[in-house]
């Protein structure tokens, strides 16, 4: 499992700034909150790590919204590729591990 440095900074470039909000109604602030979840789960996304390593984060926001976040690490910054609510299977995995 990946360990992230604290404090973690984020790379919100114009290519991904509003993507999760428009597609899944997930704000950048909520994404950042999920990274701060002590019970978060981070796994390597082997299937989609062709050009660069991608990771999956299952985490909870301050308002208890459970998110599935795909991200990369670039120059010690997390770059969120996409974010959405957990599905039932992912929810069960998160709850079982916490």
PDB file of N, CA and C in Angstrom:
ATOM      1  N   UNK A   1       0.842  -1.181   0.000  1.00  0.00           N
ATOM      2  CA  UNK A   1       0.000   0.000   0.000  1.00  0.00           C
ATOM      3  C   UNK A   1       0.884   1.239   0.000  1.00  0.00           C
ATOM      4  N   UNK A   2       0.474   2.235  -0.745  1.00  0.00           N
ATOM      5  CA  UNK A   2       1.213   3.475  -0.891  1.00  0.00           C
ATOM      6  C   UNK A   2       1.064   4.347   0.351  1.00  0.00           C
ATOM      7  N   UNK A   3       2.154   4.921   0.819  1.00  0.00           N
ATOM      8  CA  UNK A   3       2.130   5.904   1.911  1.00  0.00           C
ATOM      9  C   UNK A   3       2.367   7.267   1.303  1.00  0.00           C
ATOM     10  N   UNK A   4       1.560   8.242   1.687  1.00  0.00           N
ATOM     11  CA  UNK A   4       1.686   9.591   1.155  1.00  0.00           C
ATOM     12  C   UNK A   4       2.317  10.503   2.187  1.00  0.00           C
ATOM     13  N   UNK A   5       3.142  11.442   1.701  1.00  0.00           N
ATOM     14  CA  UNK A   5       3.761  12.423   2.578  1.00  0.00           C
ATOM     15  C   UNK A   5       2.711  13.412   3.064  1.00  0.00           C
ATOM     16  N   UNK A   6       2.957  13.960   4.224  1.00  0.00           N
ATOM     17  CA  UNK A   6       2.078  14.998   4.757  1.00  0.00           C
ATOM     18  C   UNK A   6       2.910  16.232   5.005  1.00  0.00           C
ATOM     19  N   UNK A   7       2.434  17.410   4.697  1.00  0.00           N
ATOM     20  CA  UNK A   7       1.185  17.666   3.994  1.00  0.00           C
ATOM     21  C   UNK A   7       1.323  17.380   2.508  1.00  0.00           C
ATOM     22  N   UNK A   8       0.270  16.918   1.928  1.00  0.00           N
ATOM     23  CA  UNK A   8       0.239  16.589   0.505  1.00  0.00           C
ATOM     24  C   UNK A   8      -0.299  17.785  -0.266  1.00  0.00           C
ATOM     25  N   UNK A   9       0.329  18.090  -1.385  1.00  0.00           N
ATOM     26  CA  UNK A   9      -0.200  19.165  -2.224  1.00  0.00           C
ATOM     27  C   UNK A   9      -0.829  18.550  -3.468  1.00  0.00           C
ATOM     28  N   UNK A  10      -1.627  19.356  -4.153  1.00  0.00           N
ATOM     29  CA  UNK A  10      -2.407  18.869  -5.280  1.00  0.00           C
ATOM     30  C   UNK A  10      -2.102  19.668  -6.525  1.00  0.00           C
ATOM     31  N   UNK A  11      -2.201  19.000  -7.660  1.00  0.00           N
ATOM     32  CA  UNK A  11      -2.004  19.617  -8.967  1.00  0.00           C
ATOM     33  C   UNK A  11      -3.360  19.650  -9.653  1.00  0.00           C
ATOM     34  N   UNK A  12      -4.009  20.818  -9.615  1.00  0.00           N
ATOM     35  CA  UNK A  12      -5.312  20.987 -10.257  1.00  0.00           C
ATOM     36  C   UNK A  12      -5.096  21.768 -11.543  1.00  0.00           C
ATOM     37  N   UNK A  13      -4.642  21.090 -12.580  1.00  0.00           N
ATOM     38  CA  UNK A  13      -4.435  21.780 -13.856  1.00  0.00           C
ATOM     39  C   UNK A  13      -5.764  21.960 -14.576  1.00  0.00           C
ATOM     40  N   UNK A  14      -5.779  22.782 -15.607  1.00  0.00           N
ATOM     41  CA  UNK A  14      -7.048  23.086 -16.272  1.00  0.00           C
ATOM     42  C   UNK A  14      -7.667  21.859 -16.940  1.00  0.00           C
ATOM     43  N   UNK A  15      -6.871  20.832 -17.206  1.00  0.00           N
ATOM     44  CA  UNK A  15      -7.407  19.613 -17.809  1.00  0.00           C
ATOM     45  C   UNK A  15      -8.244  18.785 -16.850  1.00  0.00           C
ATOM     46  N   UNK A  16      -8.013  18.925 -15.543  1.00  0.00           N
ATOM     47  CA  UNK A  16      -8.764  18.116 -14.579  1.00  0.00           C
ATOM     48  C   UNK A  16      -9.449  18.949 -13.504  1.00  0.00           C
ATOM     49  N   UNK A  17      -9.445  20.245 -13.643  1.00  0.00           N
ATOM     50  CA  UNK A  17      -9.965  21.135 -12.614  1.00  0.00           C
ATOM     51  C   UNK A  17     -11.455  20.916 -12.327  1.00  0.00           C
ATOM     52  N   UNK A  18     -12.264  20.781 -13.356  1.00  0.00           N
ATOM     53  CA  UNK A  18     -13.713  20.663 -13.174  1.00  0.00           C
ATOM     54  C   UNK A  18     -14.289  19.318 -13.608  1.00  0.00           C
ATOM     55  N   UNK A  19     -13.433  18.407 -14.070  1.00  0.00           N
ATOM     56  CA  UNK A  19     -13.916  17.154 -14.658  1.00  0.00           C
ATOM     57  C   UNK A  19     -14.801  16.345 -13.698  1.00  0.00           C
ATOM     58  N   UNK A  20     -14.353  16.108 -12.476  1.00  0.00           N
ATOM     59  CA  UNK A  20     -15.127  15.294 -11.536  1.00  0.00           C
ATOM     60  C   UNK A  20     -16.387  16.014 -11.071  1.00  0.00           C
ATOM     61  N   UNK A  21     -16.326  17.333 -10.992  1.00  0.00           N
ATOM     62  CA  UNK A  21     -17.507  18.095 -10.609  1.00  0.00           C
ATOM     63  C   UNK A  21     -18.582  17.977 -11.682  1.00  0.00           C
ATOM     64  N   UNK A  22     -18.198  18.142 -12.922  1.00  0.00           N
ATOM     65  CA  UNK A  22     -19.166  18.093 -14.010  1.00  0.00           C
ATOM     66  C   UNK A  22     -19.714  16.688 -14.243  1.00  0.00           C
ATOM     67  N   UNK A  23     -18.867  15.676 -14.118  1.00  0.00           N
ATOM     68  CA  UNK A  23     -19.298  14.302 -14.394  1.00  0.00           C
ATOM     69  C   UNK A  23     -19.983  13.621 -13.215  1.00  0.00           C
ATOM     70  N   UNK A  24     -19.497  13.905 -11.970  1.00  0.00           N
ATOM     71  CA  UNK A  24     -19.962  13.140 -10.812  1.00  0.00           C
ATOM     72  C   UNK A  24     -20.347  14.008  -9.613  1.00  0.00           C
ATOM     73  N   UNK A  25     -20.352  15.320  -9.797  1.00  0.00           N
ATOM     74  CA  UNK A  25     -20.705  16.253  -8.731  1.00  0.00           C
ATOM     75  C   UNK A  25     -19.787  16.121  -7.512  1.00  0.00           C
ATOM     76  N   UNK A  26     -18.497  15.875  -7.753  1.00  0.00           N
ATOM     77  CA  UNK A  26     -17.500  15.783  -6.692  1.00  0.00           C
ATOM     78  C   UNK A  26     -16.589  17.003  -6.804  1.00  0.00           C
ATOM     79  N   UNK A  27     -16.500  17.777  -5.732  1.00  0.00           N
ATOM     80  CA  UNK A  27     -15.667  18.983  -5.753  1.00  0.00           C
ATOM     81  C   UNK A  27     -14.210  18.647  -5.479  1.00  0.00           C
ATOM     82  N   UNK A  28     -13.325  19.553  -5.847  1.00  0.00           N
ATOM     83  CA  UNK A  28     -11.897  19.377  -5.567  1.00  0.00           C
ATOM     84  C   UNK A  28     -11.654  19.349  -4.056  1.00  0.00           C
ATOM     85  N   UNK A  29     -12.401  20.154  -3.327  1.00  0.00           N
ATOM     86  CA  UNK A  29     -12.266  20.174  -1.867  1.00  0.00           C
ATOM     87  C   UNK A  29     -12.599  18.802  -1.282  1.00  0.00           C
ATOM     88  N   UNK A  30     -13.658  18.169  -1.791  1.00  0.00           N
ATOM     89  CA  UNK A  30     -14.018  16.833  -1.302  1.00  0.00           C
ATOM     90  C   UNK A  30     -12.913  15.829  -1.602  1.00  0.00           C
ATOM     91  N   UNK A  31     -12.304  15.932  -2.780  1.00  0.00           N
ATOM     92  CA  UNK A  31     -11.190  15.041  -3.118  1.00  0.00           C
ATOM     93  C   UNK A  31     -10.058  15.209  -2.116  1.00  0.00           C
ATOM     94  N   UNK A  32      -9.702  16.440  -1.835  1.00  0.00           N
ATOM     95  CA  UNK A  32      -8.616  16.707  -0.889  1.00  0.00           C
ATOM     96  C   UNK A  32      -8.958  16.186   0.500  1.00  0.00           C
ATOM     97  N   UNK A  33     -10.215  16.312   0.915  1.00  0.00           N
ATOM     98  CA  UNK A  33     -10.636  15.794   2.216  1.00  0.00           C
ATOM     99  C   UNK A  33     -10.479  14.272   2.285  1.00  0.00           C
ATOM    100  N   UNK A  34     -10.797  13.575   1.206  1.00  0.00           N
ATOM    101  CA  UNK A  34     -10.687  12.109   1.189  1.00  0.00           C
ATOM    102  C   UNK A  34      -9.241  11.663   1.371  1.00  0.00           C
ATOM    103  N   UNK A  35      -8.299  12.444   0.851  1.00  0.00           N
ATOM    104  CA  UNK A  35      -6.888  12.125   1.055  1.00  0.00           C
ATOM    105  C   UNK A  35      -6.497  12.244   2.526  1.00  0.00           C
ATOM    106  N   UNK A  36      -7.234  13.054   3.285  1.00  0.00           N
ATOM    107  CA  UNK A  36      -6.955  13.224   4.707  1.00  0.00           C
ATOM    108  C   UNK A  36      -7.629  12.198   5.596  1.00  0.00           C
ATOM    109  N   UNK A  37      -8.441  11.337   5.041  1.00  0.00           N
ATOM    110  CA  UNK A  37      -9.144  10.302   5.790  1.00  0.00           C
ATOM    111  C   UNK A  37      -8.136   9.311   6.366  1.00  0.00           C
ATOM    112  N   UNK A  38      -8.142   9.150   7.674  1.00  0.00           N
ATOM    113  CA  UNK A  38      -7.205   8.219   8.328  1.00  0.00           C
ATOM    114  C   UNK A  38      -7.454   6.767   7.929  1.00  0.00           C
ATOM    115  N   UNK A  39      -8.676   6.450   7.533  1.00  0.00           N
ATOM    116  CA  UNK A  39      -9.034   5.077   7.171  1.00  0.00           C
ATOM    117  C   UNK A  39      -8.989   4.836   5.670  1.00  0.00           C
ATOM    118  N   UNK A  40      -8.465   5.780   4.907  1.00  0.00           N
ATOM    119  CA  UNK A  40      -8.447   5.638   3.444  1.00  0.00           C
ATOM    120  C   UNK A  40      -7.677   4.390   3.035  1.00  0.00           C
ATOM    121  N   UNK A  41      -8.002   3.911   1.865  1.00  0.00           N
ATOM    122  CA  UNK A  41      -7.316   2.772   1.266  1.00  0.00           C
ATOM    123  C   UNK A  41      -6.735   3.243  -0.053  1.00  0.00           C
ATOM    124  N   UNK A  42      -5.457   2.955  -0.283  1.00  0.00           N
ATOM    125  CA  UNK A  42      -4.797   3.331  -1.536  1.00  0.00           C
ATOM    126  C   UNK A  42      -4.202   2.073  -2.144  1.00  0.00           C
ATOM    127  N   UNK A  43      -4.556   1.835  -3.404  1.00  0.00           N
ATOM    128  CA  UNK A  43      -4.070   0.669  -4.130  1.00  0.00           C
ATOM    129  C   UNK A  43      -3.467   1.123  -5.449  1.00  0.00           C
ATOM    130  N   UNK A  44      -2.532   0.353  -5.961  1.00  0.00           N
ATOM    131  CA  UNK A  44      -1.992   0.672  -7.275  1.00  0.00           C
ATOM    132  C   UNK A  44      -2.985   0.220  -8.347  1.00  0.00           C
ATOM    133  N   UNK A  45      -3.215   1.077  -9.327  1.00  0.00           N
ATOM    134  CA  UNK A  45      -4.107   0.775 -10.447  1.00  0.00           C
ATOM    135  C   UNK A  45      -3.259   0.162 -11.564  1.00  0.00           C
ATOM    136  N   UNK A  46      -2.947  -1.104 -11.421  1.00  0.00           N
ATOM    137  CA  UNK A  46      -2.052  -1.794 -12.347  1.00  0.00           C
ATOM    138  C   UNK A  46      -2.615  -1.789 -13.771  1.00  0.00           C
ATOM    139  N   UNK A  47      -3.907  -1.953 -13.895  1.00  0.00           N
ATOM    140  CA  UNK A  47      -4.551  -2.034 -15.206  1.00  0.00           C
ATOM    141  C   UNK A  47      -4.372  -0.758 -16.030  1.00  0.00           C
ATOM    142  N   UNK A  48      -4.317   0.400 -15.374  1.00  0.00           N
ATOM    143  CA  UNK A  48      -4.244   1.673 -16.088  1.00  0.00           C
ATOM    144  C   UNK A  48      -2.919   2.403 -15.879  1.00  0.00           C
ATOM    145  N   UNK A  49      -1.884   1.699 -15.478  1.00  0.00           N
ATOM    146  CA  UNK A  49      -0.585   2.319 -15.215  1.00  0.00           C
ATOM    147  C   UNK A  49       0.381   2.104 -16.373  1.00  0.00           C
ATOM    148  N   UNK A  50      -0.057   2.386 -17.591  1.00  0.00           N
ATOM    149  CA  UNK A  50       0.792   2.163 -18.761  1.00  0.00           C
ATOM    150  C   UNK A  50       1.899   3.204 -18.870  1.00  0.00           C
ATOM    151  N   UNK A  51       1.543   4.480 -18.968  1.00  0.00           N
ATOM    152  CA  UNK A  51       2.521   5.539 -19.159  1.00  0.00           C
ATOM    153  C   UNK A  51       3.088   6.048 -17.847  1.00  0.00           C
ATOM    154  N   UNK A  52       2.295   6.039 -16.801  1.00  0.00           N
ATOM    155  CA  UNK A  52       2.740   6.461 -15.472  1.00  0.00           C
ATOM    156  C   UNK A  52       1.944   5.687 -14.433  1.00  0.00           C
ATOM    157  N   UNK A  53       2.459   5.600 -13.227  1.00  0.00           N
ATOM    158  CA  UNK A  53       1.768   4.879 -12.163  1.00  0.00           C
ATOM    159  C   UNK A  53       0.500   5.611 -11.768  1.00  0.00           C
ATOM    160  N   UNK A  54      -0.579   4.859 -11.695  1.00  0.00           N
ATOM    161  CA  UNK A  54      -1.857   5.398 -11.226  1.00  0.00           C
ATOM    162  C   UNK A  54      -2.261   4.650  -9.972  1.00  0.00           C
ATOM    163  N   UNK A  55      -2.987   5.345  -9.129  1.00  0.00           N
ATOM    164  CA  UNK A  55      -3.413   4.792  -7.859  1.00  0.00           C
ATOM    165  C   UNK A  55      -4.905   5.015  -7.666  1.00  0.00           C
ATOM    166  N   UNK A  56      -5.510   4.151  -6.842  1.00  0.00           N
ATOM    167  CA  UNK A  56      -6.916   4.247  -6.481  1.00  0.00           C
ATOM    168  C   UNK A  56      -7.004   4.565  -5.000  1.00  0.00           C
ATOM    169  N   UNK A  57      -7.806   5.529  -4.655  1.00  0.00           N
ATOM    170  CA  UNK A  57      -8.012   5.885  -3.254  1.00  0.00           C
ATOM    171  C   UNK A  57      -9.485   5.733  -2.931  1.00  0.00           C
ATOM    172  N   UNK A  58      -9.777   5.011  -1.862  1.00  0.00           N
ATOM    173  CA  UNK A  58     -11.126   4.928  -1.308  1.00  0.00           C
ATOM    174  C   UNK A  58     -11.073   5.693  -0.005  1.00  0.00           C
ATOM    175  N   UNK A  59     -11.817   6.794   0.067  1.00  0.00           N
ATOM    176  CA  UNK A  59     -11.732   7.623   1.261  1.00  0.00           C
ATOM    177  C   UNK A  59     -13.007   8.374   1.537  1.00  0.00           C
ATOM    178  N   UNK A  60     -13.099   8.892   2.763  1.00  0.00           N
ATOM    179  CA  UNK A  60     -14.291   9.572   3.243  1.00  0.00           C
ATOM    180  C   UNK A  60     -14.017  11.063   3.393  1.00  0.00           C
ATOM    181  N   UNK A  61     -14.989  11.886   2.987  1.00  0.00           N
ATOM    182  CA  UNK A  61     -14.885  13.332   3.151  1.00  0.00           C
ATOM    183  C   UNK A  61     -15.327  13.717   4.567  1.00  0.00           C
ATOM    184  N   UNK A  62     -15.194  14.977   4.899  1.00  0.00           N
ATOM    185  CA  UNK A  62     -15.624  15.456   6.214  1.00  0.00           C
ATOM    186  C   UNK A  62     -17.130  15.328   6.407  1.00  0.00           C
ATOM    187  N   UNK A  63     -17.893  15.298   5.301  1.00  0.00           N
ATOM    188  CA  UNK A  63     -19.343  15.121   5.397  1.00  0.00           C
ATOM    189  C   UNK A  63     -19.736  13.649   5.254  1.00  0.00           C
ATOM    190  N   UNK A  64     -18.760  12.742   5.384  1.00  0.00           N
ATOM    191  CA  UNK A  64     -18.950  11.279   5.339  1.00  0.00           C
ATOM    192  C   UNK A  64     -19.326  10.743   3.962  1.00  0.00           C
ATOM    193  N   UNK A  65     -19.046  11.479   2.913  1.00  0.00           N
ATOM    194  CA  UNK A  65     -19.254  10.982   1.554  1.00  0.00           C
ATOM    195  C   UNK A  65     -18.066  10.089   1.201  1.00  0.00           C
ATOM    196  N   UNK A  66     -18.347   8.878   0.741  1.00  0.00           N
ATOM    197  CA  UNK A  66     -17.282   7.946   0.380  1.00  0.00           C
ATOM    198  C   UNK A  66     -16.971   8.073  -1.101  1.00  0.00           C
ATOM    199  N   UNK A  67     -15.688   8.297  -1.407  1.00  0.00           N
ATOM    200  CA  UNK A  67     -15.262   8.554  -2.779  1.00  0.00           C
ATOM    201  C   UNK A  67     -14.264   7.522  -3.283  1.00  0.00           C
ATOM    202  N   UNK A  68     -14.305   7.316  -4.576  1.00  0.00           N
ATOM    203  CA  UNK A  68     -13.355   6.492  -5.330  1.00  0.00           C
ATOM    204  C   UNK A  68     -12.579   7.482  -6.193  1.00  0.00           C
ATOM    205  N   UNK A  69     -11.290   7.608  -5.938  1.00  0.00           N
ATOM    206  CA  UNK A  69     -10.472   8.606  -6.620  1.00  0.00           C
ATOM    207  C   UNK A  69      -9.328   7.917  -7.348  1.00  0.00           C
ATOM    208  N   UNK A  70      -9.167   8.244  -8.617  1.00  0.00           N
ATOM    209  CA  UNK A  70      -8.022   7.787  -9.403  1.00  0.00           C
ATOM    210  C   UNK A  70      -7.051   8.967  -9.457  1.00  0.00           C
ATOM    211  N   UNK A  71      -5.769   8.702  -9.150  1.00  0.00           N
ATOM    212  CA  UNK A  71      -4.805   9.788  -9.153  1.00  0.00           C
ATOM    213  C   UNK A  71      -3.412   9.303  -9.538  1.00  0.00           C
ATOM    214  N   UNK A  72      -2.582  10.253  -9.905  1.00  0.00           N
ATOM    215  CA  UNK A  72      -1.166  10.003 -10.164  1.00  0.00           C
ATOM    216  C   UNK A  72      -0.368  10.896  -9.227  1.00  0.00           C
ATOM    217  N   UNK A  73       0.910  10.604  -9.098  1.00  0.00           N
ATOM    218  CA  UNK A  73       1.811  11.468  -8.338  1.00  0.00           C
ATOM    219  C   UNK A  73       2.810  12.065  -9.304  1.00  0.00           C
ATOM    220  N   UNK A  74       2.879  13.379  -9.310  1.00  0.00           N
ATOM    221  CA  UNK A  74       3.830  14.097 -10.166  1.00  0.00           C
ATOM    222  C   UNK A  74       4.562  15.121  -9.329  1.00  0.00           C
ATOM    223  N   UNK A  75       5.863  14.969  -9.252  1.00  0.00           N
ATOM    224  CA  UNK A  75       6.687  15.901  -8.471  1.00  0.00           C
ATOM    225  C   UNK A  75       6.125  16.103  -7.069  1.00  0.00           C
ATOM    226  N   UNK A  76       5.813  14.996  -6.403  1.00  0.00           N
ATOM    227  CA  UNK A  76       5.296  15.001  -5.036  1.00  0.00           C
ATOM    228  C   UNK A  76       3.926  15.660  -4.897  1.00  0.00           C
ATOM    229  N   UNK A  77       3.215  15.806  -5.993  1.00  0.00           N
ATOM    230  CA  UNK A  77       1.869  16.364  -5.966  1.00  0.00           C
ATOM    231  C   UNK A  77       0.891  15.319  -6.482  1.00  0.00           C
ATOM    232  N   UNK A  78      -0.262  15.261  -5.825  1.00  0.00           N
ATOM    233  CA  UNK A  78      -1.317  14.360  -6.284  1.00  0.00           C
ATOM    234  C   UNK A  78      -2.092  15.062  -7.387  1.00  0.00           C
ATOM    235  N   UNK A  79      -2.254  14.383  -8.501  1.00  0.00           N
ATOM    236  CA  UNK A  79      -3.046  14.904  -9.615  1.00  0.00           C
ATOM    237  C   UNK A  79      -4.242  13.978  -9.779  1.00  0.00           C
ATOM    238  N   UNK A  80      -5.417  14.468  -9.410  1.00  0.00           N
ATOM    239  CA  UNK A  80      -6.632  13.660  -9.474  1.00  0.00           C
ATOM    240  C   UNK A  80      -7.056  13.531 -10.935  1.00  0.00           C
ATOM    241  N   UNK A  81      -7.213  12.285 -11.378  1.00  0.00           N
ATOM    242  CA  UNK A  81      -7.653  11.999 -12.741  1.00  0.00           C
ATOM    243  C   UNK A  81      -9.174  11.980 -12.784  1.00  0.00           C
ATOM    244  N   UNK A  82      -9.795  11.330 -11.800  1.00  0.00           N
ATOM    245  CA  UNK A  82     -11.254  11.304 -11.712  1.00  0.00           C
ATOM    246  C   UNK A  82     -11.663  10.964 -10.286  1.00  0.00           C
ATOM    247  N   UNK A  83     -12.899  11.318  -9.962  1.00  0.00           N
ATOM    248  CA  UNK A  83     -13.450  11.019  -8.637  1.00  0.00           C
ATOM    249  C   UNK A  83     -14.957  10.825  -8.769  1.00  0.00           C
ATOM    250  N   UNK A  84     -15.461   9.871  -8.003  1.00  0.00           N
ATOM    251  CA  UNK A  84     -16.896   9.566  -8.011  1.00  0.00           C
ATOM    252  C   UNK A  84     -17.249   8.911  -6.685  1.00  0.00           C
ATOM    253  N   UNK A  85     -18.548   8.704  -6.461  1.00  0.00           N
ATOM    254  CA  UNK A  85     -18.997   7.988  -5.267  1.00  0.00           C
ATOM    255  C   UNK A  85     -18.626   6.516  -5.382  1.00  0.00           C
ATOM    256  N   UNK A  86     -18.428   5.883  -4.235  1.00  0.00           N
ATOM    257  CA  UNK A  86     -18.164   4.442  -4.227  1.00  0.00           C
ATOM    258  C   UNK A  86     -19.396   3.681  -4.690  1.00  0.00           C
ATOM    259  N   UNK A  87     -19.180   2.541  -5.364  1.00  0.00           N
ATOM    260  CA  UNK A  87     -20.296   1.653  -5.659  1.00  0.00           C
ATOM    261  C   UNK A  87     -20.455   0.669  -4.493  1.00  0.00           C
ATOM    262  N   UNK A  88     -21.446  -0.201  -4.543  1.00  0.00           N
ATOM    263  CA  UNK A  88     -21.723  -1.110  -3.424  1.00  0.00           C
ATOM    264  C   UNK A  88     -20.539  -2.007  -3.084  1.00  0.00           C
ATOM    265  N   UNK A  89     -19.890  -2.548  -4.089  1.00  0.00           N
ATOM    266  CA  UNK A  89     -18.757  -3.444  -3.862  1.00  0.00           C
ATOM    267  C   UNK A  89     -17.611  -2.682  -3.191  1.00  0.00           C
ATOM    268  N   UNK A  90     -17.312  -1.503  -3.683  1.00  0.00           N
ATOM    269  CA  UNK A  90     -16.226  -0.690  -3.122  1.00  0.00           C
ATOM    270  C   UNK A  90     -16.568  -0.229  -1.699  1.00  0.00           C
ATOM    271  N   UNK A  91     -17.840   0.095  -1.476  1.00  0.00           N
ATOM    272  CA  UNK A  91     -18.284   0.500  -0.148  1.00  0.00           C
ATOM    273  C   UNK A  91     -18.031  -0.628   0.852  1.00  0.00           C
ATOM    274  N   UNK A  92     -18.381  -1.848   0.455  1.00  0.00           N
ATOM    275  CA  UNK A  92     -18.150  -3.004   1.318  1.00  0.00           C
ATOM    276  C   UNK A  92     -16.682  -3.210   1.615  1.00  0.00           C
ATOM    277  N   UNK A  93     -15.833  -3.022   0.615  1.00  0.00           N
ATOM    278  CA  UNK A  93     -14.387  -3.160   0.804  1.00  0.00           C
ATOM    279  C   UNK A  93     -13.871  -2.107   1.784  1.00  0.00           C
ATOM    280  N   UNK A  94     -14.322  -0.862   1.619  1.00  0.00           N
ATOM    281  CA  UNK A  94     -13.886   0.219   2.507  1.00  0.00           C
ATOM    282  C   UNK A  94     -14.332  -0.077   3.943  1.00  0.00           C
ATOM    283  N   UNK A  95     -15.591  -0.445   4.117  1.00  0.00           N
ATOM    284  CA  UNK A  95     -16.136  -0.696   5.453  1.00  0.00           C
ATOM    285  C   UNK A  95     -15.473  -1.907   6.116  1.00  0.00           C
ATOM    286  N   UNK A  96     -15.188  -2.926   5.332  1.00  0.00           N
ATOM    287  CA  UNK A  96     -14.562  -4.130   5.882  1.00  0.00           C
ATOM    288  C   UNK A  96     -13.147  -3.834   6.392  1.00  0.00           C
ATOM    289  N   UNK A  97     -12.457  -2.943   5.710  1.00  0.00           N
ATOM    290  CA  UNK A  97     -11.073  -2.620   6.060  1.00  0.00           C
ATOM    291  C   UNK A  97     -10.931  -1.589   7.176  1.00  0.00           C
ATOM    292  N   UNK A  98     -12.021  -0.897   7.519  1.00  0.00           N
ATOM    293  CA  UNK A  98     -11.905   0.157   8.539  1.00  0.00           C
ATOM    294  C   UNK A  98     -12.388  -0.315   9.886  1.00  0.00           C
TER     295      UNK A  98
END
